[in-house]
C-alpha atoms as a PDB file:
ATOM      1  CA  MET A   1      21.553  -0.474 -19.001  1.00  0.00           C
ATOM      2  CA  ASN A   2      22.588  -3.766 -20.886  1.00  0.00           C
ATOM      3  CA  PHE A   3      21.945  -5.717 -17.686  1.00  0.00           C
ATOM      4  CA  LEU A   4      18.376  -4.521 -17.559  1.00  0.00           C
ATOM      5  CA  PHE A   5      17.837  -5.776 -21.068  1.00  0.00           C
ATOM      6  CA  ASN A   6      19.513  -9.256 -20.416  1.00  0.00           C
ATOM      7  CA  ASN A   7      17.499  -9.921 -17.361  1.00  0.00           C
ATOM      8  CA  ILE A   8      14.195  -8.082 -17.942  1.00  0.00           C
ATOM      9  CA  TYR A   9      12.406 -11.673 -17.972  1.00  0.00           C
ATOM     10  CA  TYR A  10      13.724 -12.309 -14.559  1.00  0.00           C
ATOM     11  CA  ILE A  11      12.739  -8.860 -13.179  1.00  0.00           C
ATOM     12  CA  GLY A  12       9.210  -9.260 -14.636  1.00  0.00           C
ATOM     13  CA  SER A  13       8.720 -12.805 -13.224  1.00  0.00           C
ATOM     14  CA  PHE A  14       9.964 -11.857  -9.799  1.00  0.00           C
ATOM     15  CA  GLY A  15       7.884  -8.736 -10.047  1.00  0.00           C
ATOM     16  CA  LEU A  16       4.827 -10.756 -10.839  1.00  0.00           C
ATOM     17  CA  ILE A  17       5.688 -13.062  -7.831  1.00  0.00           C
ATOM     18  CA  PHE A  18       6.047 -10.467  -5.413  1.00  0.00           C
ATOM     19  CA  ILE A  19       2.787  -8.524  -6.485  1.00  0.00           C
ATOM     20  CA  GLY A  20       0.921 -11.758  -6.041  1.00  0.00           C
ATOM     21  CA  LEU A  21       2.440 -12.439  -2.861  1.00  0.00           C
ATOM     22  CA  PHE A  22       1.673  -9.039  -1.712  1.00  0.00           C
ATOM     23  CA  ILE A  23      -1.960  -9.238  -2.812  1.00  0.00           C
ATOM     24  CA  LEU A  24      -2.383 -12.420  -1.047  1.00  0.00           C
ATOM     25  CA  MET A  25      -1.109 -11.040   2.331  1.00  0.00           C
ATOM     26  CA  THR A  26      -2.978  -7.823   2.394  1.00  0.00           C
ATOM     27  CA  LYS A  27      -6.339  -8.441   0.847  1.00  0.00           C
ATOM     28  CA  HIS A  28      -9.040  -9.816   2.756  1.00  0.00           C
ATOM     29  CA  ASN A  29     -11.569 -10.313  -0.219  1.00  0.00           C
ATOM     30  CA  LEU A  30     -11.489 -13.853  -1.185  1.00  0.00           C
ATOM     31  CA  ILE A  31     -11.722 -12.934  -5.078  1.00  0.00           C
ATOM     32  CA  LYS A  32      -8.757 -10.615  -4.834  1.00  0.00           C
ATOM     33  CA  MET A  33      -6.720 -13.311  -2.992  1.00  0.00           C
ATOM     34  CA  ILE A  34      -7.697 -15.592  -5.866  1.00  0.00           C
ATOM     35  CA  ILE A  35      -6.325 -13.125  -8.475  1.00  0.00           C
ATOM     36  CA  GLY A  36      -3.274 -12.557  -6.262  1.00  0.00           C
ATOM     37  CA  LEU A  37      -2.653 -16.465  -6.442  1.00  0.00           C
ATOM     38  CA  ASN A  38      -3.059 -16.502 -10.266  1.00  0.00           C
ATOM     39  CA  ILE A  39      -0.643 -13.697 -10.648  1.00  0.00           C
ATOM     40  CA  MET A  40       1.868 -15.432  -8.619  1.00  0.00           C
ATOM     41  CA  ASP A  41       1.320 -18.585 -10.575  1.00  0.00           C
ATOM     42  CA  THR A  42       1.883 -16.574 -13.694  1.00  0.00           C
ATOM     43  CA  GLY A  43       5.111 -15.281 -12.360  1.00  0.00           C
ATOM     44  CA  ILE A  44       6.397 -18.655 -11.284  1.00  0.00           C
ATOM     45  CA  ASN A  45       5.477 -20.010 -14.895  1.00  0.00           C
ATOM     46  CA  LEU A  46       7.577 -17.218 -16.493  1.00  0.00           C
ATOM     47  CA  LEU A  47      10.679 -17.657 -14.001  1.00  0.00           C
ATOM     48  CA  PHE A  48      10.892 -21.276 -15.153  1.00  0.00           C
ATOM     49  CA  ILE A  49      10.499 -20.599 -18.759  1.00  0.00           C
ATOM     50  CA  THR A  50      13.214 -17.710 -18.406  1.00  0.00           C
ATOM     51  CA  ILE A  51      15.571 -20.359 -16.678  1.00  0.00           C
ATOM     52  CA  GLY A  52      14.983 -22.927 -19.556  1.00  0.00           C
ATOM     53  CA  TYR A  53      15.525 -20.328 -22.157  1.00  0.00           C
ATOM     54  CA  VAL A  54      18.916 -20.424 -24.279  1.00  0.00           C
ATOM     55  CA  ARG A  55      19.866 -17.529 -26.411  1.00  0.00           C
ATOM     56  CA  LYS A  56      19.893 -18.149 -30.190  1.00  0.00           C
ATOM     57  CA  ALA A  57      19.118 -21.866 -29.836  1.00  0.00           C
ATOM     58  CA  THR A  58      16.624 -23.783 -31.788  1.00  0.00           C
ATOM     59  CA  ALA A  59      13.808 -26.399 -30.903  1.00  0.00           C
ATOM     60  CA  PRO A  60      15.065 -30.086 -30.805  1.00  0.00           C
ATOM     61  CA  ILE A  61      12.530 -31.072 -33.474  1.00  0.00           C
ATOM     62  CA  PHE A  62      14.434 -29.333 -36.071  1.00  0.00           C
ATOM     63  CA  SER A  63      17.529 -31.763 -36.577  1.00  0.00           C
ATOM     64  CA  LYS A  64      20.114 -30.428 -38.978  1.00  0.00           C
ATOM     65  CA  PRO A  65      23.404 -32.545 -39.011  1.00  0.00           C
ATOM     66  CA  ASP A  66      25.559 -29.314 -37.933  1.00  0.00           C
ATOM     67  CA  LEU A  67      23.582 -28.654 -34.748  1.00  0.00           C
ATOM     68  CA  ASN A  68      24.888 -29.776 -31.571  1.00  0.00           C
ATOM     69  CA  PRO A  69      23.094 -30.157 -28.349  1.00  0.00           C
ATOM     70  CA  GLN A  70      24.372 -27.238 -26.663  1.00  0.00           C
ATOM     71  CA  ASN A  71      22.269 -24.924 -29.437  1.00  0.00           C
ATOM     72  CA  MET A  72      18.972 -26.571 -28.486  1.00  0.00           C
ATOM     73  CA  VAL A  73      16.181 -25.626 -26.107  1.00  0.00           C
ATOM     74  CA  ASP A  74      15.291 -28.183 -23.498  1.00  0.00           C
ATOM     75  CA  PRO A  75      11.674 -29.181 -24.233  1.00  0.00           C
ATOM     76  CA  VAL A  76      11.096 -30.415 -21.002  1.00  0.00           C
ATOM     77  CA  VAL A  77      10.773 -27.206 -19.342  1.00  0.00           C
ATOM     78  CA  GLN A  78       8.174 -26.270 -21.831  1.00  0.00           C
ATOM     79  CA  ALA A  79       6.226 -29.149 -21.526  1.00  0.00           C
ATOM     80  CA  LEU A  80       6.200 -28.979 -17.680  1.00  0.00           C
ATOM     81  CA  ILE A  81       4.943 -25.261 -17.744  1.00  0.00           C
ATOM     82  CA  LEU A  82       2.212 -26.121 -20.193  1.00  0.00           C
ATOM     83  CA  THR A  83       1.271 -28.785 -17.589  1.00  0.00           C
ATOM     84  CA  ALA A  84       1.363 -26.315 -14.850  1.00  0.00           C
ATOM     85  CA  ILE A  85      -0.704 -23.760 -16.825  1.00  0.00           C
ATOM     86  CA  VAL A  86      -3.646 -26.470 -17.219  1.00  0.00           C
ATOM     87  CA  ILE A  87      -3.205 -27.117 -13.444  1.00  0.00           C
ATOM     88  CA  GLY A  88      -3.396 -23.616 -12.465  1.00  0.00           C
ATOM     89  CA  LEU A  89      -6.444 -23.102 -14.796  1.00  0.00           C
ATOM     90  CA  ALA A  90      -8.092 -26.050 -13.023  1.00  0.00           C
ATOM     91  CA  VAL A  91      -7.169 -24.498  -9.591  1.00  0.00           C
ATOM     92  CA  LEU A  92      -8.533 -21.158 -10.431  1.00  0.00           C
ATOM     93  CA  ALA A  93     -11.873 -22.532 -11.676  1.00  0.00           C
ATOM     94  CA  MET A  94     -11.979 -24.684  -8.554  1.00  0.00           C
ATOM     95  CA  ALA A  95     -11.330 -21.733  -6.386  1.00  0.00           C
ATOM     96  CA  LEU A  96     -13.889 -19.578  -8.022  1.00  0.00           C
ATOM     97  CA  SER A  97     -16.687 -22.019  -7.556  1.00  0.00           C
ATOM     98  CA  LEU A  98     -15.764 -22.618  -4.014  1.00  0.00           C
ATOM     99  CA  SER A  99     -15.721 -18.603  -3.520  1.00  0.00           C
ATOM    100  CA  ILE A 100     -19.275 -18.667  -5.155  1.00  0.00           C
ATOM    101  CA  ARG A 101     -20.562 -21.404  -2.589  1.00  0.00           C
ATOM    102  CA  ILE A 102     -18.880 -19.524   0.239  1.00  0.00           C
ATOM    103  CA  TYR A 103     -20.730 -16.308  -0.913  1.00  0.00           C
ATOM    104  CA  GLN A 104     -24.147 -18.522  -1.012  1.00  0.00           C
ATOM    105  CA  PHE A 105     -23.627 -19.816   2.294  1.00  0.00           C
ATOM    106  CA  TYR A 106     -21.961 -16.748   4.392  1.00  0.00           C
ATOM    107  CA  GLY A 107     -23.395 -13.874   2.299  1.00  0.00           C
ATOM    108  CA  THR A 108     -19.840 -12.362   2.137  1.00  0.00           C
ATOM    109  CA  LEU A 109     -16.389 -12.807   0.459  1.00  0.00           C
ATOM    110  CA  ASP A 110     -14.509 -11.002   3.300  1.00  0.00           C
ATOM    111  CA  ILE A 111     -12.273 -13.629   5.254  1.00  0.00           C
ATOM    112  CA  ARG A 112     -12.334 -11.582   8.502  1.00  0.00           C
ATOM    113  CA  LYS A 113     -16.189 -11.669   8.648  1.00  0.00           C
ATOM    114  CA  ILE A 114     -16.249 -15.457   7.545  1.00  0.00           C
ATOM    115  CA  LYS A 115     -14.013 -16.134  10.522  1.00  0.00           C
ATOM    116  CA  GLU A 116     -16.340 -14.368  12.891  1.00  0.00           C
ATOM    117  CA  GLN A 117     -19.387 -16.169  11.979  1.00  0.00           C
ATOM    118  CA  LYS A 118     -20.469 -19.338  13.563  1.00  0.00           C
ATOM    119  CA  TRP A 119     -22.351 -22.183  11.941  1.00  0.00           C
END
């Protein structure tokens, strides 16, 4: 039981990654595939934050004389994930706008039917 509590964020992040990957591989609706991609992106962000986490550590901006570098969290991981969240949001907005244009052009969001149609 202690193993589960110590690794719950790893389990959750891998769960989100696999759920998103499963949605991407099994669904044929473009909106559902975009949602699966977003779920997988969230799982990857959670995984990287979990890897960069240090238990009972403090932020490096709080500088006390008795703190050593082993008791500080690396801020680079947090900054990179914040950037990844913004990029993921931009990719999500772009994918949704492209899916709107695809629906207007083809009249469907089913990938199989779009591949069958000729221009």
